[in-house]
């Protein structure tokens, strides 16, 4: 197993894209409140899956652009988004099994985006 070169991580890209995903999440939740979608019983599950798909896309995009350590870039974005959403849920509605499952789904989505980028980069090299 090779060691991770933490100096190769593009920290500004990870932070900014994490904030981008969080802003999209908060915007979607705000619009759902305005249009009454938040009362839909499956809204939380749909939002969690949507966030995970966005995390895959953003993690893939950042990891391919970074060029180095794509798996770690994707994983970091997934974990940071998941921790932020977990904290927001804890502070607003409390924790539940669904919230913890969403945490794991978002972290795995970041890992999947990083892995997809790694495979693309290995194929092009």
N, C-alpha and C. Protein backbone atom coordinates (compact mmCIF):
# COMPACT_ATOMS: atom_id res chain seq x y z
N UNK A 1 0.85 -1.18 0.00
CA UNK A 1 0.00 0.00 0.00
C UNK A 1 0.89 1.24 0.00
N UNK A 2 0.63 2.12 -0.93
CA UNK A 2 1.46 3.31 -1.02
C UNK A 2 0.94 4.39 -0.10
N UNK A 3 1.84 5.28 0.30
CA UNK A 3 1.44 6.35 1.20
C UNK A 3 0.85 7.51 0.41
N UNK A 4 0.09 8.31 1.08
CA UNK A 4 -0.59 9.45 0.47
C UNK A 4 0.30 10.68 0.61
N UNK A 5 0.50 11.37 -0.48
CA UNK A 5 1.25 12.62 -0.45
C UNK A 5 0.24 13.75 -0.25
N UNK A 6 0.09 14.19 0.99
CA UNK A 6 -0.92 15.19 1.35
C UNK A 6 -0.62 16.55 0.73
N UNK A 7 0.61 16.78 0.28
CA UNK A 7 0.95 18.04 -0.38
C UNK A 7 0.36 18.11 -1.78
N UNK A 8 -0.01 16.96 -2.35
CA UNK A 8 -0.59 16.92 -3.69
C UNK A 8 -2.10 17.23 -3.70
N UNK A 9 -2.68 17.32 -2.52
CA UNK A 9 -4.12 17.58 -2.43
C UNK A 9 -4.38 19.06 -2.72
N UNK A 10 -5.33 19.32 -3.59
CA UNK A 10 -5.73 20.68 -3.93
C UNK A 10 -6.79 21.11 -2.91
N UNK A 11 -6.34 21.58 -1.76
CA UNK A 11 -7.24 21.91 -0.66
C UNK A 11 -8.25 23.01 -1.01
N UNK A 12 -7.85 24.06 -1.73
CA UNK A 12 -8.85 25.06 -2.09
C UNK A 12 -9.98 24.49 -2.97
N UNK A 13 -9.64 23.61 -3.90
CA UNK A 13 -10.67 23.00 -4.75
C UNK A 13 -11.59 22.12 -3.92
N UNK A 14 -11.04 21.36 -2.99
CA UNK A 14 -11.86 20.50 -2.12
C UNK A 14 -12.81 21.36 -1.29
N UNK A 15 -12.29 22.42 -0.68
CA UNK A 15 -13.12 23.27 0.18
C UNK A 15 -14.20 23.98 -0.63
N UNK A 16 -13.82 24.58 -1.75
CA UNK A 16 -14.79 25.33 -2.54
C UNK A 16 -15.88 24.43 -3.13
N UNK A 17 -15.52 23.26 -3.58
CA UNK A 17 -16.52 22.37 -4.15
C UNK A 17 -17.40 21.74 -3.07
N UNK A 18 -16.87 21.57 -1.88
CA UNK A 18 -17.70 21.13 -0.75
C UNK A 18 -18.75 22.21 -0.45
N UNK A 19 -18.30 23.47 -0.42
CA UNK A 19 -19.24 24.57 -0.19
C UNK A 19 -20.27 24.66 -1.32
N UNK A 20 -19.85 24.36 -2.53
CA UNK A 20 -20.75 24.36 -3.68
C UNK A 20 -21.87 23.34 -3.48
N UNK A 21 -21.52 22.13 -3.06
CA UNK A 21 -22.53 21.09 -2.84
C UNK A 21 -23.45 21.48 -1.68
N UNK A 22 -22.88 22.03 -0.62
CA UNK A 22 -23.70 22.44 0.52
C UNK A 22 -24.65 23.56 0.12
N UNK A 23 -24.18 24.51 -0.70
CA UNK A 23 -25.05 25.60 -1.16
C UNK A 23 -26.19 25.05 -2.01
N UNK A 24 -25.90 24.09 -2.89
CA UNK A 24 -26.96 23.46 -3.68
C UNK A 24 -27.97 22.75 -2.79
N UNK A 25 -27.47 22.08 -1.77
CA UNK A 25 -28.34 21.37 -0.84
C UNK A 25 -29.26 22.34 -0.10
N UNK A 26 -28.67 23.40 0.44
CA UNK A 26 -29.48 24.37 1.18
C UNK A 26 -30.47 25.09 0.25
N UNK A 27 -30.04 25.37 -0.98
CA UNK A 27 -30.95 25.99 -1.95
C UNK A 27 -32.12 25.08 -2.28
N UNK A 28 -31.84 23.80 -2.48
CA UNK A 28 -32.91 22.85 -2.77
C UNK A 28 -33.87 22.72 -1.59
N UNK A 29 -33.34 22.69 -0.37
CA UNK A 29 -34.19 22.60 0.82
C UNK A 29 -35.04 23.86 0.98
N UNK A 30 -34.44 25.01 0.67
CA UNK A 30 -35.18 26.27 0.76
C UNK A 30 -36.32 26.31 -0.25
N UNK A 31 -36.04 25.93 -1.50
CA UNK A 31 -37.07 25.90 -2.53
C UNK A 31 -38.17 24.89 -2.19
N UNK A 32 -37.78 23.77 -1.59
CA UNK A 32 -38.77 22.77 -1.19
C UNK A 32 -39.70 23.33 -0.12
N UNK A 33 -39.16 24.14 0.78
CA UNK A 33 -40.01 24.77 1.79
C UNK A 33 -40.97 25.77 1.15
N UNK A 34 -40.47 26.55 0.20
CA UNK A 34 -41.31 27.56 -0.44
C UNK A 34 -42.45 26.91 -1.22
N UNK A 35 -42.15 25.86 -1.98
CA UNK A 35 -43.15 25.23 -2.83
C UNK A 35 -43.90 24.09 -2.15
N UNK A 36 -43.65 23.85 -0.89
CA UNK A 36 -44.40 22.85 -0.14
C UNK A 36 -43.97 21.41 -0.37
N UNK A 37 -42.84 21.22 -1.01
CA UNK A 37 -42.37 19.85 -1.25
C UNK A 37 -41.82 19.19 0.01
N UNK A 38 -41.44 19.98 0.99
CA UNK A 38 -40.87 19.43 2.21
C UNK A 38 -41.88 18.60 2.99
N UNK A 39 -43.17 18.82 2.75
CA UNK A 39 -44.19 18.03 3.43
C UNK A 39 -44.37 16.66 2.80
N UNK A 40 -43.84 16.47 1.61
CA UNK A 40 -43.88 15.17 0.94
C UNK A 40 -43.08 14.19 1.78
N UNK A 41 -43.66 13.03 2.08
CA UNK A 41 -43.04 12.11 3.05
C UNK A 41 -41.70 11.54 2.56
N UNK A 42 -41.51 11.44 1.26
CA UNK A 42 -40.26 10.89 0.74
C UNK A 42 -39.26 11.97 0.34
N UNK A 43 -39.51 13.22 0.71
CA UNK A 43 -38.63 14.30 0.28
C UNK A 43 -37.22 14.14 0.83
N UNK A 44 -37.09 13.78 2.10
CA UNK A 44 -35.75 13.65 2.70
C UNK A 44 -34.93 12.57 1.99
N UNK A 45 -35.57 11.46 1.67
CA UNK A 45 -34.85 10.39 0.96
C UNK A 45 -34.45 10.84 -0.44
N UNK A 46 -35.35 11.52 -1.12
CA UNK A 46 -35.04 12.00 -2.47
C UNK A 46 -33.92 13.02 -2.45
N UNK A 47 -33.93 13.91 -1.47
CA UNK A 47 -32.87 14.91 -1.35
C UNK A 47 -31.53 14.25 -1.02
N UNK A 48 -31.54 13.24 -0.18
CA UNK A 48 -30.31 12.53 0.16
C UNK A 48 -29.70 11.85 -1.06
N UNK A 49 -30.52 11.20 -1.84
CA UNK A 49 -30.02 10.54 -3.06
C UNK A 49 -29.53 11.58 -4.07
N UNK A 50 -30.25 12.68 -4.19
CA UNK A 50 -29.83 13.75 -5.10
C UNK A 50 -28.49 14.33 -4.68
N UNK A 51 -28.31 14.55 -3.38
CA UNK A 51 -27.04 15.06 -2.88
C UNK A 51 -25.92 14.06 -3.19
N UNK A 52 -26.18 12.79 -3.01
CA UNK A 52 -25.16 11.77 -3.29
C UNK A 52 -24.77 11.78 -4.77
N UNK A 53 -25.74 11.94 -5.65
CA UNK A 53 -25.43 12.01 -7.08
C UNK A 53 -24.62 13.25 -7.41
N UNK A 54 -24.95 14.37 -6.78
CA UNK A 54 -24.18 15.59 -6.99
C UNK A 54 -22.76 15.41 -6.46
N UNK A 55 -22.62 14.74 -5.33
CA UNK A 55 -21.28 14.50 -4.76
C UNK A 55 -20.45 13.63 -5.71
N UNK A 56 -21.05 12.61 -6.31
CA UNK A 56 -20.31 11.78 -7.28
C UNK A 56 -19.80 12.66 -8.42
N UNK A 57 -20.67 13.48 -8.96
CA UNK A 57 -20.29 14.34 -10.09
C UNK A 57 -19.19 15.33 -9.70
N UNK A 58 -19.36 16.01 -8.57
CA UNK A 58 -18.38 17.02 -8.14
C UNK A 58 -17.06 16.36 -7.78
N UNK A 59 -17.10 15.23 -7.09
CA UNK A 59 -15.87 14.53 -6.72
C UNK A 59 -15.13 14.06 -7.96
N UNK A 60 -15.85 13.56 -8.93
CA UNK A 60 -15.22 13.14 -10.19
C UNK A 60 -14.57 14.32 -10.89
N UNK A 61 -15.29 15.41 -10.97
CA UNK A 61 -14.79 16.60 -11.66
C UNK A 61 -13.53 17.15 -10.97
N UNK A 62 -13.56 17.26 -9.66
CA UNK A 62 -12.40 17.80 -8.93
C UNK A 62 -11.23 16.83 -9.02
N UNK A 63 -11.50 15.54 -8.88
CA UNK A 63 -10.42 14.55 -8.89
C UNK A 63 -9.73 14.48 -10.25
N UNK A 64 -10.48 14.61 -11.34
CA UNK A 64 -9.84 14.58 -12.65
C UNK A 64 -9.05 15.85 -12.91
N UNK A 65 -9.53 16.96 -12.43
CA UNK A 65 -8.80 18.22 -12.63
C UNK A 65 -7.56 18.32 -11.75
N UNK A 66 -7.61 17.69 -10.58
CA UNK A 66 -6.46 17.77 -9.67
C UNK A 66 -5.26 17.03 -10.26
N UNK A 67 -5.50 15.90 -10.90
CA UNK A 67 -4.42 15.17 -11.55
C UNK A 67 -3.67 14.22 -10.63
N UNK A 68 -3.55 14.53 -9.39
CA UNK A 68 -2.85 13.70 -8.42
C UNK A 68 -3.82 13.27 -7.32
N UNK A 69 -3.64 12.06 -6.82
CA UNK A 69 -4.45 11.55 -5.71
C UNK A 69 -5.95 11.70 -5.95
N UNK A 70 -6.48 11.17 -7.05
CA UNK A 70 -7.91 11.37 -7.34
C UNK A 70 -8.83 10.70 -6.32
N UNK A 71 -8.43 9.55 -5.83
CA UNK A 71 -9.26 8.84 -4.87
C UNK A 71 -9.42 9.65 -3.57
N UNK A 72 -8.33 10.25 -3.13
CA UNK A 72 -8.36 11.03 -1.89
C UNK A 72 -9.16 12.32 -2.09
N UNK A 73 -9.01 12.96 -3.25
CA UNK A 73 -9.81 14.16 -3.52
C UNK A 73 -11.30 13.84 -3.44
N UNK A 74 -11.72 12.77 -4.09
CA UNK A 74 -13.12 12.39 -4.06
C UNK A 74 -13.60 12.04 -2.66
N UNK A 75 -12.79 11.26 -1.96
CA UNK A 75 -13.16 10.86 -0.60
C UNK A 75 -13.27 12.06 0.33
N UNK A 76 -12.35 13.00 0.21
CA UNK A 76 -12.40 14.19 1.07
C UNK A 76 -13.67 15.01 0.82
N UNK A 77 -14.03 15.17 -0.44
CA UNK A 77 -15.26 15.92 -0.73
C UNK A 77 -16.47 15.18 -0.17
N UNK A 78 -16.53 13.87 -0.36
CA UNK A 78 -17.64 13.09 0.18
C UNK A 78 -17.74 13.17 1.68
N UNK A 79 -16.62 13.06 2.36
CA UNK A 79 -16.63 13.09 3.83
C UNK A 79 -16.99 14.48 4.33
N UNK A 80 -16.45 15.53 3.72
CA UNK A 80 -16.76 16.88 4.18
C UNK A 80 -18.23 17.23 3.97
N UNK A 81 -18.79 16.84 2.84
CA UNK A 81 -20.22 17.08 2.60
C UNK A 81 -21.06 16.28 3.60
N UNK A 82 -20.68 15.03 3.80
CA UNK A 82 -21.44 14.17 4.72
C UNK A 82 -21.39 14.69 6.15
N UNK A 83 -20.22 15.11 6.60
CA UNK A 83 -20.09 15.63 7.97
C UNK A 83 -20.89 16.93 8.13
N UNK A 84 -20.83 17.79 7.12
CA UNK A 84 -21.59 19.04 7.19
C UNK A 84 -23.09 18.77 7.24
N UNK A 85 -23.57 17.87 6.38
CA UNK A 85 -25.00 17.53 6.40
C UNK A 85 -25.40 16.85 7.71
N UNK A 86 -24.53 16.00 8.23
CA UNK A 86 -24.81 15.35 9.51
C UNK A 86 -24.91 16.40 10.62
N UNK A 87 -24.01 17.36 10.62
CA UNK A 87 -24.04 18.42 11.63
C UNK A 87 -25.29 19.28 11.50
N UNK A 88 -25.64 19.65 10.27
CA UNK A 88 -26.86 20.44 10.06
C UNK A 88 -28.11 19.69 10.50
N UNK A 89 -28.17 18.40 10.18
CA UNK A 89 -29.32 17.60 10.63
C UNK A 89 -29.36 17.48 12.14
N UNK A 90 -28.20 17.29 12.75
CA UNK A 90 -28.13 17.17 14.20
C UNK A 90 -28.63 18.46 14.87
N UNK A 91 -28.23 19.60 14.31
CA UNK A 91 -28.61 20.88 14.92
C UNK A 91 -30.06 21.26 14.67
N UNK A 92 -30.66 20.74 13.59
CA UNK A 92 -32.03 21.15 13.26
C UNK A 92 -33.07 20.11 13.63
N UNK A 93 -32.91 18.89 13.15
CA UNK A 93 -33.96 17.89 13.38
C UNK A 93 -33.53 16.74 14.27
N UNK A 94 -32.27 16.61 14.51
CA UNK A 94 -31.78 15.49 15.31
C UNK A 94 -31.32 14.35 14.42
N UNK A 95 -30.68 13.38 15.03
CA UNK A 95 -30.14 12.25 14.27
C UNK A 95 -31.13 11.09 14.25
N UNK A 96 -31.11 10.39 13.15
CA UNK A 96 -31.92 9.18 13.00
C UNK A 96 -31.13 8.19 12.17
N UNK A 97 -31.67 7.02 12.00
CA UNK A 97 -31.01 6.00 11.19
C UNK A 97 -30.88 6.48 9.75
N UNK A 98 -31.91 7.15 9.24
CA UNK A 98 -31.87 7.66 7.87
C UNK A 98 -30.78 8.71 7.68
N UNK A 99 -30.57 9.55 8.68
CA UNK A 99 -29.53 10.58 8.59
C UNK A 99 -28.15 9.93 8.56
N UNK A 100 -27.93 8.92 9.39
CA UNK A 100 -26.64 8.23 9.41
C UNK A 100 -26.43 7.45 8.11
N UNK A 101 -27.50 6.87 7.58
CA UNK A 101 -27.40 6.19 6.29
C UNK A 101 -27.06 7.18 5.18
N UNK A 102 -27.64 8.37 5.25
CA UNK A 102 -27.30 9.42 4.29
C UNK A 102 -25.85 9.83 4.40
N UNK A 103 -25.33 9.88 5.63
CA UNK A 103 -23.91 10.18 5.85
C UNK A 103 -23.04 9.17 5.12
N UNK A 104 -23.34 7.89 5.32
CA UNK A 104 -22.55 6.85 4.66
C UNK A 104 -22.69 6.90 3.15
N UNK A 105 -23.91 7.16 2.67
CA UNK A 105 -24.15 7.25 1.23
C UNK A 105 -23.35 8.39 0.61
N UNK A 106 -23.30 9.53 1.26
CA UNK A 106 -22.58 10.68 0.72
C UNK A 106 -21.06 10.46 0.76
N UNK A 107 -20.57 9.84 1.82
CA UNK A 107 -19.14 9.54 1.88
C UNK A 107 -18.75 8.53 0.80
N UNK A 108 -19.58 7.51 0.60
CA UNK A 108 -19.31 6.53 -0.45
C UNK A 108 -19.45 7.14 -1.84
N UNK A 109 -20.33 8.11 -1.99
CA UNK A 109 -20.49 8.79 -3.28
C UNK A 109 -19.21 9.54 -3.63
N UNK A 110 -18.59 10.19 -2.65
CA UNK A 110 -17.32 10.86 -2.90
C UNK A 110 -16.23 9.88 -3.28
N UNK A 111 -16.20 8.75 -2.59
CA UNK A 111 -15.23 7.71 -2.91
C UNK A 111 -15.46 7.17 -4.32
N UNK A 112 -16.72 7.00 -4.69
CA UNK A 112 -17.03 6.49 -6.02
C UNK A 112 -16.62 7.49 -7.11
N UNK A 113 -16.86 8.78 -6.88
CA UNK A 113 -16.43 9.80 -7.83
C UNK A 113 -14.92 9.82 -7.98
N UNK A 114 -14.21 9.69 -6.87
CA UNK A 114 -12.74 9.64 -6.92
C UNK A 114 -12.23 8.40 -7.63
N UNK A 115 -12.90 7.29 -7.40
CA UNK A 115 -12.49 6.03 -8.06
C UNK A 115 -12.75 6.10 -9.56
N UNK A 116 -13.88 6.68 -9.95
CA UNK A 116 -14.17 6.84 -11.37
C UNK A 116 -13.09 7.70 -12.03
N UNK A 117 -12.71 8.78 -11.37
CA UNK A 117 -11.66 9.65 -11.91
C UNK A 117 -10.33 8.92 -11.99
N UNK A 118 -10.03 8.12 -11.00
CA UNK A 118 -8.78 7.35 -10.99
C UNK A 118 -8.74 6.38 -12.16
N UNK A 119 -9.85 5.73 -12.42
CA UNK A 119 -9.89 4.77 -13.54
C UNK A 119 -9.77 5.48 -14.88
N UNK A 120 -10.39 6.64 -15.01
CA UNK A 120 -10.27 7.42 -16.25
C UNK A 120 -8.81 7.86 -16.44
N UNK A 121 -8.20 8.32 -15.37
CA UNK A 121 -6.81 8.79 -15.47
C UNK A 121 -5.84 7.65 -15.75
N UNK A 122 -6.10 6.47 -15.22
CA UNK A 122 -5.26 5.32 -15.49
C UNK A 122 -5.42 4.87 -16.95
N UNK A 123 -6.62 4.99 -17.47
CA UNK A 123 -6.87 4.59 -18.84
C UNK A 123 -6.24 5.52 -19.86
N UNK A 124 -6.12 6.80 -19.49
CA UNK A 124 -5.55 7.77 -20.42
C UNK A 124 -4.03 7.84 -20.34
N UNK A 125 -3.46 7.25 -19.32
CA UNK A 125 -1.99 7.32 -19.16
C UNK A 125 -1.29 6.25 -19.95
